[in-house]
Amino acid sequence: MAGPLAGIRVVELGRFVAAPWCGQMLADLGAEVIKVEQPGQGDQIRQYGPPFVGEPYPAEGLTSSYFACCNRGKRSVEIDLATAEGQEQVKALARGADALLENFKAGHLRRFGLHEEAIRAVAPQIIYLSISGFGQSGPYSDRPGLDSVFQAMGGLMSVTGEPGAPPTKIGVTIVDLITGLYGAIAVLAALRAREMGGAGGQSIDLALLDVAIAAMSHRAQDYLLTGDVPRASGTATVGSTPAQVFRAADGWINIQAGDDRNFKRLCEVIGREDLADDPRYARRLERWKNRAEFLPEIEDALAGREVRSLYEQLTRKGLVCSPIYTLDQTFSDPHVIHRDVLRTIEHPRGTIRSVRNPIRFSKSHIQDERPSPMLGEGNRELLR
């Protein structure tokens, strides 16, 4: 069954994560995504292992798990952008395409004659998405960058981790991933604008630093309203308590009981109804002001309880809470199994399991069953 973007063709000059994640989203939705890769080597992230698909490592055509997770459903062609022939091949692909995605440094493709104006000269209909670290303009626009740079400069590291600890990086390349999603949304909006007849082809300038700042969401808004610089608060929710991760007898549990009703329910479960009746703690704002005295009482009451029993009791009371899982526990949880979040994919180098696209349409089809491509597997068909 075709996906909702069937008939849309995308040329991806993407490397690493941000543009490939965008391209994968469009491919999952049914677009034909042609990934342009460096001859012989391919996207650099193919080498980012181990692990690799089909270990022991093949001599060529490497597919790291990193590459496999963000290039599903695409077709790969090998084109040398530094040659006149390669540049003409890219332009030929663009002529029949609806969108082109690239995530080189700002201005880098101009040296190959593949910048927006050159592509638009042969493909006026094209949606040209440029993803870069710092954007297409500004004093930093020519600088390279990776996800951790933008977690650092955008403020994310400053609010992540425990108070007083060194700046902490989020455990996945979160700015890359969010940028890829913003990119997919932008391409779809531009295609819709073109379809409505008011825009034609257009360019999109998407910077990872801008995305990181946008991802600061309410922490940025807090600062803009008050001038108070937000700091790391560990797992605690700022302005609400008890709403954080607590140590239990056999592990850790996440409890979100910051509102007054759920706080009272928590106190009933842990046998500390007196805390809910104490005027210093009975109301949310008072609890927050007095948290230094209040939280040790909660911690002591939870320290002797087992996570599973506590989780079940709190859930029955309607509280928002969860155990803290490692990834193996996540994948073995019965609800996760029921949601069918994993898919078995037949890759040329062997059968692999992969995480599915989380979108579930009632009618349309998500095409997330196709593997990431082998390097250059579309050369013969697409590069005529």
Protein backbone atom coordinates (compact mmCIF):
# COMPACT_ATOMS: atom_id res chain seq x y z
CA MET A 1 0.00 0.00 0.00
CA ALA A 2 1.30 3.45 -0.93
CA GLY A 3 1.87 6.08 1.73
CA PRO A 4 0.26 9.54 1.81
CA LEU A 5 3.28 11.13 0.07
CA ALA A 6 3.25 8.69 -2.85
CA GLY A 7 4.34 10.50 -6.00
CA ILE A 8 6.60 12.96 -4.16
CA ARG A 9 10.28 12.66 -5.06
CA VAL A 10 13.01 13.96 -2.75
CA VAL A 11 16.73 14.25 -3.45
CA GLU A 12 18.75 14.04 -0.24
CA LEU A 13 22.29 15.35 -0.03
CA GLY A 14 22.28 14.45 3.63
CA ARG A 15 24.99 13.26 5.99
CA PHE A 16 25.08 12.21 9.62
CA VAL A 17 21.65 12.62 11.29
CA ALA A 18 19.60 15.82 10.85
CA ALA A 19 18.88 15.79 7.10
CA PRO A 20 18.76 11.96 6.94
CA TRP A 21 16.20 11.92 9.78
CA CYS A 22 14.11 14.40 7.80
CA GLY A 23 14.47 12.28 4.67
CA GLN A 24 13.53 9.12 6.54
CA MET A 25 10.35 10.73 7.84
CA LEU A 26 9.36 11.68 4.30
CA ALA A 27 10.23 8.17 3.08
CA ASP A 28 8.13 6.60 5.85
CA LEU A 29 5.23 8.74 4.65
CA GLY A 30 5.60 7.35 1.15
CA ALA A 31 7.91 9.76 -0.68
CA GLU A 32 10.61 8.41 -2.97
CA VAL A 33 13.84 9.58 -1.33
CA ILE A 34 17.03 9.34 -3.38
CA LYS A 35 20.08 9.58 -1.14
CA VAL A 36 23.19 10.96 -2.86
CA GLU A 37 26.37 9.50 -1.35
CA GLN A 38 30.09 9.82 -1.86
CA PRO A 39 31.40 7.06 -4.17
CA GLY A 40 33.10 4.22 -2.36
CA GLN A 41 32.52 5.59 1.14
CA GLY A 42 28.99 6.87 1.31
CA ASP A 43 27.52 8.91 4.12
CA GLN A 44 30.21 9.15 6.82
CA ILE A 45 27.83 7.77 9.39
CA ARG A 46 27.91 4.40 7.64
CA GLN A 47 31.29 3.99 9.36
CA TYR A 48 30.07 4.94 12.86
CA GLY A 49 30.29 1.53 14.47
CA PRO A 50 30.42 -1.03 15.77
CA PRO A 51 27.85 -2.39 15.71
CA PHE A 52 27.29 -2.88 12.00
CA VAL A 53 24.50 -4.68 10.19
CA GLY A 54 25.79 -8.07 9.05
CA GLU A 55 28.85 -8.36 11.27
CA PRO A 56 31.64 -9.38 10.91
CA TYR A 57 32.31 -6.12 9.18
CA PRO A 58 32.19 -6.32 5.39
CA ALA A 59 35.07 -4.80 3.45
CA GLU A 60 32.80 -2.32 1.72
CA GLY A 61 29.25 -1.06 1.87
CA LEU A 62 29.25 -0.67 5.64
CA THR A 63 25.91 -0.13 7.34
CA SER A 64 26.32 0.95 10.95
CA SER A 65 23.36 0.77 13.28
CA TYR A 66 23.51 4.58 13.28
CA PHE A 67 23.05 4.64 9.50
CA ALA A 68 20.35 1.97 9.58
CA CYS A 69 18.23 3.88 12.08
CA CYS A 70 17.93 7.09 10.05
CA ASN A 71 18.01 6.02 6.40
CA ARG A 72 15.17 3.53 6.21
CA GLY A 73 13.29 3.27 2.93
CA LYS A 74 15.64 5.33 0.77
CA ARG A 75 17.42 4.60 -2.51
CA SER A 76 21.18 5.21 -2.65
CA VAL A 77 23.18 6.56 -5.57
CA GLU A 78 26.90 7.30 -5.67
CA ILE A 79 27.74 10.73 -7.10
CA ASP A 80 31.00 12.65 -6.89
CA LEU A 81 29.88 16.23 -6.28
CA ALA A 82 33.35 17.55 -7.12
CA THR A 83 33.11 16.49 -10.78
CA ALA A 84 31.21 18.13 -13.62
CA GLU A 85 29.55 14.81 -14.38
CA GLY A 86 28.41 14.43 -10.79
CA GLN A 87 27.02 17.95 -10.67
CA GLU A 88 25.00 17.30 -13.81
CA GLN A 89 23.72 14.06 -12.31
CA VAL A 90 22.44 15.91 -9.23
CA LYS A 91 20.77 18.53 -11.42
CA ALA A 92 19.16 15.81 -13.51
CA LEU A 93 17.71 14.25 -10.36
CA ALA A 94 16.52 17.67 -9.17
CA ARG A 95 14.64 18.31 -12.43
CA GLY A 96 12.26 15.51 -11.61
CA ALA A 97 12.11 16.13 -7.87
CA ASP A 98 9.78 18.03 -5.57
CA ALA A 99 12.32 18.74 -2.83
CA LEU A 100 16.05 18.71 -2.20
CA LEU A 101 17.49 18.31 1.29
CA GLU A 102 21.07 19.20 2.21
CA ASN A 103 22.98 19.67 5.44
CA PHE A 104 26.40 20.91 4.42
CA LYS A 105 27.97 24.00 5.97
CA ALA A 106 26.40 27.21 4.70
CA GLY A 107 27.79 28.01 1.26
CA HIS A 108 29.62 24.71 0.86
CA LEU A 109 27.56 23.51 -2.12
CA ARG A 110 28.24 26.74 -4.00
CA ARG A 111 31.75 25.51 -4.78
CA PHE A 112 30.14 22.60 -6.65
CA GLY A 113 27.54 24.73 -8.41
CA LEU A 114 24.77 23.00 -6.47
CA HIS A 115 23.58 25.95 -4.36
CA GLU A 116 19.94 26.92 -4.39
CA GLU A 117 20.09 29.38 -7.30
CA ALA A 118 21.89 26.85 -9.52
CA ILE A 119 19.40 24.10 -8.73
CA ARG A 120 16.43 26.42 -9.15
CA ALA A 121 17.69 27.40 -12.61
CA VAL A 122 17.04 23.84 -13.76
CA ALA A 123 14.26 22.95 -11.30
CA PRO A 124 12.14 26.03 -10.54
CA GLN A 125 9.57 23.89 -8.74
CA ILE A 126 12.01 22.63 -6.13
CA ILE A 127 11.65 23.01 -2.36
CA TYR A 128 15.27 23.50 -1.27
CA LEU A 129 15.82 22.71 2.41
CA SER A 130 19.20 23.75 3.83
CA ILE A 131 19.96 22.38 7.28
CA SER A 132 23.12 23.76 8.85
CA GLY A 133 24.58 24.28 12.28
CA PHE A 134 24.26 28.05 12.48
CA GLY A 135 22.04 28.97 9.53
CA GLN A 136 22.67 30.52 6.13
CA SER A 137 23.52 33.96 7.56
CA GLY A 138 25.20 35.43 10.61
CA PRO A 139 28.74 35.63 12.01
CA TYR A 140 28.89 31.88 12.77
CA SER A 141 27.30 30.65 9.54
CA ASP A 142 30.53 29.17 8.16
CA ARG A 143 31.33 27.18 11.30
CA PRO A 144 30.96 23.40 11.53
CA GLY A 145 29.05 21.83 14.36
CA LEU A 146 27.61 18.62 15.73
CA ASP A 147 24.66 17.96 18.02
CA SER A 148 26.60 18.44 21.26
CA VAL A 149 27.67 21.93 20.14
CA PHE A 150 24.05 23.00 19.88
CA GLN A 151 22.99 21.31 23.09
CA ALA A 152 25.76 23.39 24.68
CA MET A 153 25.16 26.74 22.97
CA GLY A 154 21.37 26.51 22.90
CA GLY A 155 21.16 26.09 26.68
CA LEU A 156 20.06 22.46 26.88
CA MET A 157 23.20 21.30 28.71
CA SER A 158 22.82 24.06 31.28
CA VAL A 159 19.43 22.74 32.45
CA THR A 160 20.23 19.01 32.22
CA GLY A 161 21.74 16.94 35.01
CA GLU A 162 21.97 17.36 38.75
CA PRO A 163 22.37 20.77 40.42
CA GLY A 164 26.03 21.64 40.80
CA ALA A 165 27.18 18.87 38.45
CA PRO A 166 29.10 19.56 35.22
CA PRO A 167 27.00 20.38 32.13
CA THR A 168 25.25 17.22 30.95
CA LYS A 169 24.48 16.11 27.41
CA ILE A 170 21.17 14.44 26.65
CA GLY A 171 21.81 10.78 25.86
CA VAL A 172 20.75 10.90 22.19
CA THR A 173 21.43 13.45 19.44
CA ILE A 174 18.24 15.23 20.34
CA VAL A 175 18.87 18.47 18.41
CA ASP A 176 19.56 16.48 15.23
CA LEU A 177 16.34 14.53 15.67
CA ILE A 178 14.15 17.54 16.40
CA THR A 179 15.74 19.40 13.49
CA GLY A 180 14.89 16.51 11.19
CA LEU A 181 11.26 16.67 12.29
CA TYR A 182 11.11 20.46 11.87
CA GLY A 183 12.62 19.94 8.42
CA ALA A 184 9.97 17.41 7.42
CA ILE A 185 7.20 19.72 8.64
CA ALA A 186 8.71 22.63 6.71
CA VAL A 187 8.98 20.62 3.49
CA LEU A 188 5.37 19.46 3.77
CA ALA A 189 4.19 23.03 4.42
CA ALA A 190 6.16 24.32 1.43
CA LEU A 191 4.74 21.58 -0.79
CA ARG A 192 1.25 22.54 0.34
CA ALA A 193 1.95 26.22 -0.37
CA ARG A 194 3.18 25.28 -3.84
CA GLU A 195 0.10 23.17 -4.43
CA MET A 196 -2.14 26.08 -3.47
CA GLY A 197 -0.49 28.13 -6.19
CA GLY A 198 0.78 30.99 -4.09
CA ALA A 199 4.43 30.18 -3.61
CA GLY A 200 5.98 27.95 -6.25
CA GLY A 201 9.35 26.57 -5.27
CA GLN A 202 11.08 28.12 -2.28
CA SER A 203 14.04 27.72 0.03
CA ILE A 204 14.03 26.81 3.72
CA ASP A 205 16.82 27.85 6.10
CA LEU A 206 16.88 25.61 9.19
CA ALA A 207 19.66 25.97 11.78
CA LEU A 208 20.38 23.46 14.53
CA LEU A 209 21.22 26.28 16.96
CA ASP A 210 17.82 27.87 16.31
CA VAL A 211 16.16 24.50 16.90
CA ALA A 212 18.05 23.95 20.16
CA ILE A 213 16.90 27.35 21.42
CA ALA A 214 13.31 26.60 20.40
CA ALA A 215 13.56 23.29 22.27
CA MET A 216 14.23 25.21 25.49
CA SER A 217 10.48 25.92 25.35
CA HIS A 218 9.15 26.94 28.79
CA ARG A 219 12.62 27.32 30.28
CA ALA A 220 13.35 30.02 27.70
CA GLN A 221 9.96 31.62 28.33
CA ASP A 222 10.57 31.57 32.09
CA TYR A 223 13.80 33.50 31.56
CA LEU A 224 12.21 35.99 29.16
CA LEU A 225 9.46 36.71 31.69
CA THR A 226 11.58 36.97 34.83
CA GLY A 227 15.22 37.44 33.86
CA ASP A 228 16.12 34.52 36.13
CA VAL A 229 18.62 32.20 34.42
CA PRO A 230 17.30 28.61 34.58
CA ARG A 231 19.59 26.00 36.07
CA ALA A 232 19.76 22.22 36.13
CA SER A 233 17.27 20.66 38.53
CA GLY A 234 18.00 16.98 38.07
CA THR A 235 14.76 15.07 37.57
CA ALA A 236 12.71 17.56 39.59
CA THR A 237 9.98 19.58 37.93
CA VAL A 238 10.66 23.26 38.64
CA GLY A 239 7.86 24.84 40.66
CA SER A 240 6.19 21.55 41.55
CA THR A 241 6.96 19.00 44.26
CA PRO A 242 7.04 16.08 44.85
CA ALA A 243 7.62 15.60 41.14
CA GLN A 244 10.91 13.81 40.48
CA VAL A 245 12.73 10.49 40.61
CA PHE A 246 13.02 8.90 44.05
CA ARG A 247 15.13 6.00 45.32
CA ALA A 248 13.19 2.98 46.50
CA ALA A 249 14.49 -0.15 48.20
CA ASP A 250 15.28 -1.99 44.97
CA GLY A 251 15.60 0.75 42.36
CA TRP A 252 14.23 4.09 41.27
CA ILE A 253 10.73 5.39 40.63
CA ASN A 254 9.46 8.53 38.93
CA ILE A 255 6.57 10.14 40.83
CA GLN A 256 4.70 13.22 39.64
CA ALA A 257 2.48 14.31 42.52
CA GLY A 258 3.00 18.06 42.49
CA ASP A 259 -0.67 19.06 42.49
CA ASP A 260 -2.55 19.03 45.79
CA ARG A 261 -4.95 16.18 45.02
CA ASN A 262 -2.25 13.76 43.91
CA PHE A 263 0.00 14.80 46.77
CA LYS A 264 -2.72 13.75 49.19
CA ARG A 265 -3.05 10.41 47.40
CA LEU A 266 0.70 9.85 47.61
CA CYS A 267 0.66 10.56 51.33
CA GLU A 268 -2.09 7.95 51.78
CA VAL A 269 -0.07 5.30 49.95
CA ILE A 270 3.13 5.91 51.95
CA GLY A 271 1.32 6.28 55.28
CA ARG A 272 2.19 9.94 55.79
CA GLU A 273 -1.25 11.58 55.79
CA ASP A 274 0.14 14.03 58.34
CA LEU A 275 2.19 15.70 55.60
CA ALA A 276 -0.92 16.44 53.55
CA ASP A 277 -2.51 18.06 56.61
CA ASP A 278 0.54 20.14 57.51
CA PRO A 279 -0.08 23.78 56.45
CA ARG A 280 3.56 24.06 55.37
CA TYR A 281 3.00 21.36 52.75
CA ALA A 282 -0.72 21.14 52.04
CA ARG A 283 -0.64 23.56 49.08
CA ARG A 284 1.61 23.42 46.03
CA LEU A 285 3.25 26.81 46.44
CA GLU A 286 3.92 26.20 50.13
CA ARG A 287 5.43 22.79 49.38
CA TRP A 288 7.73 24.36 46.81
CA LYS A 289 8.89 27.07 49.21
CA ASN A 290 9.50 24.52 51.97
CA ARG A 291 10.87 21.71 49.79
CA ALA A 292 14.24 21.56 51.58
CA GLU A 293 12.46 20.42 54.77
CA PHE A 294 9.69 18.52 53.04
CA LEU A 295 11.44 16.29 50.50
CA PRO A 296 13.54 14.30 53.02
CA GLU A 297 10.28 13.19 54.64
CA ILE A 298 9.07 11.78 51.31
CA GLU A 299 12.45 10.22 50.54
CA ASP A 300 12.54 8.43 53.91
CA ALA A 301 9.03 7.09 53.41
CA LEU A 302 9.85 5.72 49.96
CA ALA A 303 13.28 4.29 50.74
CA GLY A 304 11.95 1.03 52.19
CA ARG A 305 9.35 0.34 49.51
CA GLU A 306 9.79 -1.94 46.50
CA VAL A 307 9.41 -0.28 43.11
CA ARG A 308 6.87 -2.72 41.62
CA SER A 309 4.56 -2.69 44.64
CA LEU A 310 4.80 1.08 44.95
CA TYR A 311 4.15 1.56 41.25
CA GLU A 312 1.06 -0.63 41.36
CA GLN A 313 -0.35 1.12 44.44
CA LEU A 314 0.23 4.59 43.05
CA THR A 315 -1.22 3.64 39.67
CA ARG A 316 -4.38 2.31 41.31
CA LYS A 317 -4.70 5.70 43.02
CA GLY A 318 -4.51 7.41 39.63
CA LEU A 319 -1.11 9.01 40.16
CA VAL A 320 1.29 9.72 37.31
CA CYS A 321 4.33 7.56 37.99
CA SER A 322 6.67 5.10 36.33
CA PRO A 323 9.58 2.79 36.98
CA ILE A 324 12.93 3.81 35.49
CA TYR A 325 13.69 1.41 32.65
CA THR A 326 16.83 0.43 30.87
CA LEU A 327 16.24 -0.18 27.17
CA ASP A 328 15.96 -3.97 27.53
CA GLN A 329 13.22 -3.42 30.10
CA THR A 330 11.48 -0.95 27.80
CA PHE A 331 11.32 -3.46 24.96
CA SER A 332 10.08 -6.26 27.25
CA ASP A 333 7.28 -4.23 28.85
CA PRO A 334 3.90 -5.82 27.96
CA HIS A 335 2.39 -2.50 26.90
CA VAL A 336 5.33 -1.75 24.60
CA ILE A 337 4.97 -5.24 23.12
CA HIS A 338 1.26 -4.63 22.59
CA ARG A 339 2.00 -1.33 20.83
CA ASP A 340 4.15 -3.24 18.33
CA VAL A 341 6.95 -0.66 18.37
CA LEU A 342 9.50 -3.01 16.82
CA ARG A 343 9.54 -4.17 13.23
CA THR A 344 11.50 -6.97 11.62
CA ILE A 345 13.20 -5.74 8.46
CA GLU A 346 14.83 -7.83 5.75
CA HIS A 347 18.11 -6.10 5.03
CA PRO A 348 20.46 -7.30 2.26
CA ARG A 349 22.97 -8.21 4.98
CA GLY A 350 20.49 -10.05 7.15
CA THR A 351 17.30 -9.78 9.14
CA ILE A 352 17.31 -6.98 11.71
CA ARG A 353 14.84 -5.56 14.19
CA SER A 354 14.24 -1.83 14.20
CA VAL A 355 12.09 0.71 16.00
CA ARG A 356 9.01 1.64 13.98
CA ASN A 357 7.80 5.09 13.09
CA PRO A 358 5.47 5.99 15.99
CA ILE A 359 2.74 7.47 13.76
CA ARG A 360 -0.35 5.24 13.51
CA PHE A 361 -2.82 6.33 10.82
CA SER A 362 -6.34 4.92 10.78
CA LYS A 363 -6.29 4.64 6.98
CA SER A 364 -2.97 5.72 5.49
CA HIS A 365 0.08 3.47 5.41
CA ILE A 366 3.45 4.15 7.01
CA GLN A 367 6.15 2.56 4.87
CA ASP A 368 8.64 1.78 7.63
CA GLU A 369 9.18 -1.83 6.60
CA ARG A 370 11.88 -1.05 4.02
CA PRO A 371 15.57 -1.30 4.99
CA SER A 372 18.26 1.34 4.70
CA PRO A 373 19.93 1.08 1.29
CA MET A 374 23.18 -0.52 0.31
CA LEU A 375 25.66 2.00 -1.03
CA GLY A 376 24.94 2.76 -4.69
CA GLU A 377 22.21 0.18 -5.10
CA GLY A 378 20.21 2.60 -7.26
CA ASN A 379 23.06 3.65 -9.55
CA ARG A 380 22.03 1.63 -12.58
CA GLU A 381 18.37 2.60 -12.48
CA LEU A 382 18.61 6.24 -11.43
CA LEU A 383 21.86 7.50 -12.99
CA ARG A 384 21.23 7.07 -16.69
